[in-house]
Each structure stands twice: as structure tokens, then as C-alpha cells.
Amino acid sequence: MINETLNEAADKMDKAVAVTREDFAAIRTGRANPSMFHKLTAEYYGTPTPLQQLASFTAPEARVIIISPYDQGSMGAIERAIRDSDLGVNPTDDGRTIRVVLPELTEERRKDYIKMAKTKAEEGRVAIRNIRRHAKQTLDKLEKDGEVGKDDVAGAEKRLDGMTKQHTDHIDEMLKHKEAELLEV
């Protein structure tokens, strides 16, 4: 029962780290990267649809992304979704494709992105601590119900603390890399 609780907590913590990694990928750096658009959705036939399902993305140059909609009717919705997003870019279309030119990042914009990255990292750490708290409550309940001994729970809590530290350290490491990437000129 203890191992099931710890394995479930580890899986959830891995997922929290993966979500944080995706959030970091969506924060733009000086280079064009199609993953910047992963979180964006466009209104398509009355349904919010992820842009990845509506178009293909290519980055032919360091600061340019070409978006080719699968359905030309969705072009306006895709363009609107990009313009209304917090990416700070202005898409242009030539009738067949949408071209997004990423402007050079200013010092102020870089600092804003670093703040955003720190916020995303803290959200990830909070999620991991919440998972830890829930697993600890489950372990305490097992002990209270007499299903496992006090020593077993103490050992499990040490393992749980180690997993928590490992996952939060991983998020901190990703944040450090993202900050370095954002400060790179």
C-alpha cells in the first residue's frame, strides 16, 4: 500500500514537471520555435481548437515562423488567436500562409519573460508540494487505520521528501536554463 502511494505521487510529480517544461517552451526566446504556439487555441466552427490541429508550423529562419492552415477558412481565426495572445507578435497573411516575424527582444521584454518563467516554475513547485501533502495525508491515514506501522510510514515519508526535493530541483534547473536562454543576446 505504501509503495502504491509513493509510485502514484512520483507519477504525478513527473507530470507536474512535464507541464512546467511545456509552459517554459511556450515562453518565447530570441529564436522562433513552433512550441510557442502549443497553448494557443482558435475558435473553429464554434469550438476552441488547439492551433496544432489547425495548421502546420515551420521555422525557416531564426526569427520567422510560417503557419500553413489545413483549412483556408480557419486562417482568420488562427491569425486572431496569435494576435490576441501574450506572445507580442503581429501575424501577417499572404492568402495561403501566415507569417510571424518575431521582433528582437528588448531588455524590458526579456525581464518580463523571466518573471513569467519564475511564476511558471513556482506553480510547478506548488503542484509538487500539493502532491506531497496529499501523499503524506494518505500515509498518515494508513498508519491511523492500523494498516501499516509507524516505522514504515516514517521511512516512506523520507522517500517522499527525497522525491519532492528531486522534482523541485529539476524545475529549478529548468528555470536556470530558461533564464540563461532568455538573457542570451
Protein backbone atom coordinates (compact mmCIF):
# COMPACT_ATOMS: atom_id res chain seq x y z
CA MET A 1 0.00 0.00 0.00
CA ILE A 2 2.88 2.39 0.82
CA ASN A 3 4.63 1.65 -2.47
CA GLU A 4 1.40 2.30 -4.41
CA THR A 5 1.04 5.69 -2.71
CA LEU A 6 4.68 6.61 -3.40
CA ASN A 7 4.52 5.42 -7.03
CA GLU A 8 1.33 7.41 -7.62
CA ALA A 9 2.95 10.51 -6.08
CA ALA A 10 6.07 10.03 -8.26
CA ASP A 11 3.94 9.73 -11.42
CA LYS A 12 2.00 12.88 -10.57
CA MET A 13 5.22 14.77 -9.78
CA ASP A 14 6.67 13.67 -13.14
CA LYS A 15 3.56 15.04 -14.84
CA ALA A 16 3.86 18.34 -12.95
CA VAL A 17 7.47 18.66 -14.16
CA ALA A 18 6.34 17.87 -17.74
CA VAL A 19 3.63 20.56 -17.57
CA THR A 20 6.19 23.06 -16.31
CA ARG A 21 8.54 22.09 -19.17
CA GLU A 22 5.69 22.74 -21.66
CA ASP A 23 4.98 26.09 -20.03
CA PHE A 24 8.66 27.03 -20.38
CA ALA A 25 8.62 26.01 -24.05
CA ALA A 26 5.71 28.39 -24.63
CA ILE A 27 7.76 31.34 -23.32
CA ARG A 28 9.49 32.75 -26.32
CA THR A 29 13.17 33.43 -26.53
CA GLY A 30 15.03 35.25 -29.28
CA ARG A 31 14.57 32.29 -31.65
CA ALA A 32 11.45 31.16 -33.48
CA ASN A 33 10.08 27.92 -32.05
CA PRO A 34 6.78 26.28 -33.03
CA SER A 35 6.25 25.16 -29.41
CA MET A 36 5.45 28.80 -28.59
CA PHE A 37 2.00 28.16 -30.06
CA HIS A 38 1.18 24.93 -28.15
CA LYS A 39 -1.06 26.61 -25.58
CA LEU A 40 -2.98 28.74 -28.08
CA THR A 41 -6.47 27.85 -29.26
CA ALA A 42 -8.57 29.34 -32.06
CA GLU A 43 -12.34 29.39 -32.44
CA TYR A 44 -13.01 26.85 -35.22
CA TYR A 45 -16.64 26.18 -36.11
CA GLY A 46 -17.68 27.37 -32.65
CA THR A 47 -15.20 25.15 -30.79
CA PRO A 48 -11.91 26.24 -29.20
CA THR A 49 -9.34 24.14 -31.07
CA PRO A 50 -5.56 23.95 -30.48
CA LEU A 51 -3.60 25.62 -33.28
CA GLN A 52 -1.55 22.41 -33.75
CA GLN A 53 -4.73 20.74 -35.04
CA LEU A 54 -5.49 23.56 -37.47
CA ALA A 55 -2.14 24.19 -39.14
CA SER A 56 1.45 23.11 -39.60
CA PHE A 57 4.30 25.23 -38.26
CA THR A 58 7.77 25.64 -39.75
CA ALA A 59 10.67 27.87 -38.75
CA PRO A 60 12.65 28.57 -41.96
CA GLU A 61 14.73 31.32 -40.30
CA ALA A 62 15.85 32.11 -36.76
CA ARG A 63 13.10 34.66 -36.14
CA VAL A 64 10.35 33.65 -38.60
CA ILE A 65 7.59 31.07 -38.31
CA ILE A 66 5.42 30.08 -41.25
CA ILE A 67 1.97 28.73 -40.40
CA SER A 68 0.15 26.77 -43.10
CA PRO A 69 -3.53 26.21 -42.22
CA TYR A 70 -5.00 22.87 -43.30
CA ASP A 71 -8.30 24.66 -44.00
CA GLN A 72 -8.05 28.14 -45.53
CA GLY A 73 -11.32 29.06 -43.76
CA SER A 74 -9.55 28.87 -40.40
CA MET A 75 -6.90 31.43 -41.37
CA GLY A 76 -8.68 34.41 -39.79
CA ALA A 77 -9.30 32.55 -36.53
CA ILE A 78 -5.65 31.43 -36.32
CA GLU A 79 -4.42 34.94 -37.03
CA ARG A 80 -6.78 36.39 -34.38
CA ALA A 81 -5.65 33.82 -31.77
CA ILE A 82 -1.99 34.69 -32.33
CA ARG A 83 -2.63 38.44 -32.30
CA ASP A 84 -4.69 38.22 -29.06
CA SER A 85 -2.11 36.01 -27.29
CA ASP A 86 0.59 37.28 -24.92
CA LEU A 87 3.37 36.46 -27.41
CA GLY A 88 3.71 40.07 -28.50
CA VAL A 89 3.80 39.29 -32.24
CA ASN A 90 1.79 40.54 -35.19
CA PRO A 91 0.98 37.85 -37.79
CA THR A 92 0.57 38.67 -41.48
CA ASP A 93 -1.06 36.50 -44.10
CA ASP A 94 -0.46 36.26 -47.83
CA GLY A 95 -3.69 34.41 -48.57
CA ARG A 96 -2.17 30.93 -48.26
CA THR A 97 0.08 31.07 -45.20
CA ILE A 98 0.50 33.15 -42.07
CA ARG A 99 3.94 34.59 -41.42
CA VAL A 100 5.01 35.52 -37.90
CA VAL A 101 8.19 37.58 -37.59
CA LEU A 102 9.47 37.71 -34.04
CA PRO A 103 10.86 41.11 -33.14
CA GLU A 104 14.20 41.37 -31.38
CA LEU A 105 13.63 41.07 -27.63
CA THR A 106 14.19 44.26 -25.67
CA GLU A 107 15.79 44.22 -22.22
CA GLU A 108 12.44 45.04 -20.64
CA ARG A 109 10.65 42.24 -22.52
CA ARG A 110 13.36 39.76 -21.52
CA LYS A 111 12.82 40.68 -17.86
CA ASP A 112 9.06 40.22 -18.29
CA TYR A 113 9.65 36.75 -19.75
CA ILE A 114 11.99 35.86 -16.89
CA LYS A 115 9.29 36.93 -14.42
CA MET A 116 6.79 34.78 -16.33
CA ALA A 117 9.21 31.82 -16.22
CA LYS A 118 9.69 32.25 -12.46
CA THR A 119 5.92 32.30 -11.99
CA LYS A 120 5.53 29.09 -14.04
CA ALA A 121 8.34 27.46 -12.03
CA GLU A 122 6.68 28.42 -8.75
CA GLU A 123 3.36 27.00 -9.99
CA GLY A 124 5.17 23.74 -10.75
CA ARG A 125 6.81 23.64 -7.31
CA VAL A 126 3.45 24.34 -5.63
CA ALA A 127 1.87 21.50 -7.61
CA ILE A 128 4.64 19.14 -6.46
CA ARG A 129 4.25 20.22 -2.83
CA ASN A 130 0.48 19.68 -3.07
CA ILE A 131 1.10 16.16 -4.39
CA ARG A 132 3.50 15.56 -1.49
CA ARG A 133 0.93 16.82 1.02
CA HIS A 134 -1.76 14.56 -0.41
CA ALA A 135 0.54 11.52 -0.35
CA LYS A 136 1.56 12.30 3.26
CA GLN A 137 -2.10 12.51 4.28
CA THR A 138 -2.70 9.11 2.65
CA LEU A 139 0.29 7.64 4.53
CA ASP A 140 -0.91 9.13 7.84
CA LYS A 141 -4.37 7.68 7.23
CA LEU A 142 -2.86 4.24 6.59
CA GLU A 143 -0.98 4.48 9.89
CA LYS A 144 -4.05 5.70 11.77
CA ASP A 145 -6.16 2.85 10.40
CA GLY A 146 -3.51 0.40 11.59
CA GLU A 147 -2.75 -0.95 8.10
CA VAL A 148 0.97 -0.12 8.36
CA GLY A 149 3.43 0.54 11.17
CA LYS A 150 4.86 3.86 12.34
CA ASP A 151 8.39 2.96 11.20
CA ASP A 152 7.16 2.07 7.70
CA VAL A 153 5.38 5.42 7.41
CA ALA A 154 8.48 7.29 8.65
CA GLY A 155 10.63 5.58 6.01
CA ALA A 156 8.04 6.26 3.32
CA GLU A 157 7.91 9.94 4.30
CA LYS A 158 11.70 10.18 3.94
CA ARG A 159 11.44 8.67 0.45
CA LEU A 160 8.56 11.05 -0.33
CA ASP A 161 10.65 14.04 0.81
CA GLY A 162 13.54 12.85 -1.38
CA MET A 163 11.24 12.57 -4.42
CA THR A 164 9.83 16.03 -3.71
CA LYS A 165 13.31 17.55 -3.49
CA GLN A 166 14.42 15.77 -6.68
CA HIS A 167 11.43 17.09 -8.65
CA THR A 168 11.63 20.65 -7.32
CA ASP A 169 15.39 20.67 -8.06
CA HIS A 170 14.59 19.57 -11.61
CA ILE A 171 12.20 22.52 -12.02
CA ASP A 172 14.82 24.89 -10.58
CA GLU A 173 17.36 23.55 -13.08
CA MET A 174 14.92 24.08 -15.98
CA LEU A 175 14.29 27.63 -14.74
CA LYS A 176 18.03 28.33 -14.62
CA HIS A 177 18.40 27.16 -18.24
CA LYS A 178 15.38 29.19 -19.36
CA GLU A 179 16.75 32.34 -17.71
CA ALA A 180 20.12 31.84 -19.40
CA GLU A 181 18.35 31.29 -22.73
CA LEU A 182 16.30 34.48 -22.27
CA LEU A 183 19.31 36.60 -21.31
CA GLU A 184 21.31 35.36 -24.29
CA VAL A 185 21.54 38.18 -26.85
